[in-house]
Amino acid sequence: MTVSAETESPKPRWYLIPLRVLLVTVVVSLLSFAISLLLGICAVLLAAKLHHIQPDLRIAYRFIAAPAAGVVAAIILVSASFMEIRHYRRLKVLQRIEGQIGRSA
C-alpha cells in the first residue's frame, strides 16, 4: 500500500476547542478529586488513630479533596486552553503551507 500525495489533513475546527478543554478539565479534576480524597481519608484515619479519637471523614471531603480538585481544575482549564489554541493555530499554518505547496506543484 502506498501513501498518496493527494491526501488532505482535516481542517481545524475552532468550535471543538471549548469542548475538548472542558472534557479534559472535567476528567482530570475528577481524577484529582478521587486521588486527593483517598489520600485525605488515609490522613484523617491516621490522625484519628494517633490521637485516639473517632475519625471525622467529612474533613477529607471539605478541607482536602474539594479544594485540591478546584485548584487542579483551574490549572488544567488554563493550560488546556493555551495548548488547544496553540494546536489550532499550528494546524491553520500547516494547512496554509500545504495549500501553497499544492498550488505550486
Protein backbone atom coordinates (compact mmCIF):
# COMPACT_ATOMS: atom_id res chain seq x y z
CA MET A 1 0.00 0.00 0.00
CA THR A 2 1.34 3.40 -0.89
CA VAL A 3 0.53 6.71 0.66
CA SER A 4 -0.98 9.09 -1.82
CA ALA A 5 0.24 12.67 -2.06
CA GLU A 6 -3.37 13.70 -2.59
CA THR A 7 -4.47 13.00 0.98
CA GLU A 8 -5.58 16.10 2.81
CA SER A 9 -5.27 16.72 6.50
CA PRO A 10 -8.51 17.50 8.32
CA LYS A 11 -9.46 21.15 8.59
CA PRO A 12 -9.05 22.64 12.06
CA ARG A 13 -12.38 23.33 13.72
CA TRP A 14 -12.41 26.17 16.24
CA TYR A 15 -15.73 25.16 17.78
CA LEU A 16 -14.24 21.89 19.09
CA ILE A 17 -11.67 23.72 21.24
CA PRO A 18 -14.02 24.52 24.18
CA LEU A 19 -15.45 21.00 24.09
CA ARG A 20 -12.02 19.37 24.33
CA VAL A 21 -10.88 21.81 27.02
CA LEU A 22 -13.96 21.16 29.17
CA LEU A 23 -13.73 17.41 28.67
CA VAL A 24 -10.09 17.30 29.73
CA THR A 25 -10.77 19.63 32.67
CA VAL A 26 -13.66 17.52 33.97
CA VAL A 27 -11.81 14.21 33.60
CA VAL A 28 -8.61 15.42 35.24
CA SER A 29 -10.43 17.23 38.06
CA LEU A 30 -12.50 14.12 38.84
CA LEU A 31 -9.34 12.04 38.87
CA SER A 32 -7.59 14.52 41.16
CA PHE A 33 -10.65 14.61 43.43
CA ALA A 34 -10.60 10.83 43.74
CA ILE A 35 -6.88 10.66 44.46
CA SER A 36 -6.92 13.53 46.94
CA LEU A 37 -9.98 12.05 48.65
CA LEU A 38 -8.19 8.73 49.06
CA LEU A 39 -5.13 10.44 50.48
CA GLY A 40 -7.30 12.68 52.66
CA ILE A 41 -9.20 9.72 54.12
CA CYS A 42 -5.92 7.95 54.85
CA ALA A 43 -4.55 11.08 56.55
CA VAL A 44 -7.71 11.59 58.63
CA LEU A 45 -7.73 7.95 59.71
CA LEU A 46 -4.06 8.10 60.63
CA ALA A 47 -4.50 11.33 62.60
CA ALA A 48 -7.54 9.92 64.43
CA LYS A 49 -5.65 6.75 65.29
CA LEU A 50 -2.67 8.74 66.61
CA HIS A 51 -4.89 11.00 68.75
CA HIS A 52 -7.17 8.14 69.87
CA ILE A 53 -10.37 9.85 68.68
CA GLN A 54 -13.18 8.96 66.29
CA PRO A 55 -12.33 9.92 62.68
CA ASP A 56 -14.50 12.60 61.09
CA LEU A 57 -14.25 11.81 57.38
CA ARG A 58 -16.12 14.98 56.40
CA ILE A 59 -12.79 16.74 56.86
CA ALA A 60 -11.37 14.75 53.95
CA TYR A 61 -14.14 16.00 51.66
CA ARG A 62 -14.40 19.60 52.82
CA PHE A 63 -10.83 20.59 53.52
CA ILE A 64 -8.70 18.28 51.41
CA ALA A 65 -10.39 16.79 48.33
CA ALA A 66 -12.69 19.60 47.19
CA PRO A 67 -10.10 22.41 47.40
CA ALA A 68 -7.43 20.25 45.76
CA ALA A 69 -9.78 19.35 42.88
CA GLY A 70 -10.74 23.00 42.48
CA VAL A 71 -7.14 24.14 42.23
CA VAL A 72 -6.29 21.35 39.78
CA ALA A 73 -9.37 22.17 37.68
CA ALA A 74 -8.38 25.84 37.43
CA ILE A 75 -4.82 24.98 36.43
CA ILE A 76 -5.95 22.41 33.86
CA LEU A 77 -8.56 24.78 32.39
CA VAL A 78 -5.97 27.48 31.76
CA SER A 79 -3.22 25.17 30.49
CA ALA A 80 -5.55 23.11 28.28
CA SER A 81 -6.94 26.31 26.77
CA PHE A 82 -3.48 27.55 25.88
CA MET A 83 -2.46 24.18 24.47
CA GLU A 84 -5.59 23.79 22.33
CA ILE A 85 -5.36 27.32 20.96
CA ARG A 86 -1.70 26.77 20.11
CA HIS A 87 -2.55 23.46 18.43
CA TYR A 88 -5.36 25.12 16.44
CA ARG A 89 -3.09 27.92 15.22
CA ARG A 90 -0.38 25.43 14.26
CA LEU A 91 -2.87 23.40 12.22
CA LYS A 92 -4.05 26.54 10.43
CA VAL A 93 -0.50 27.46 9.48
CA LEU A 94 0.31 23.93 8.31
CA GLN A 95 -2.82 23.86 6.16
CA ARG A 96 -1.89 27.19 4.63
CA ILE A 97 1.58 25.80 3.83
CA GLU A 98 0.05 22.62 2.34
CA GLY A 99 -2.21 24.79 0.20
CA GLN A 100 0.73 26.81 -1.08
CA ILE A 101 2.72 23.68 -1.87
CA GLY A 102 -0.27 22.13 -3.61
CA ARG A 103 -0.79 25.20 -5.82
CA SER A 104 2.86 25.42 -6.84
CA ALA A 105 3.14 21.73 -7.79
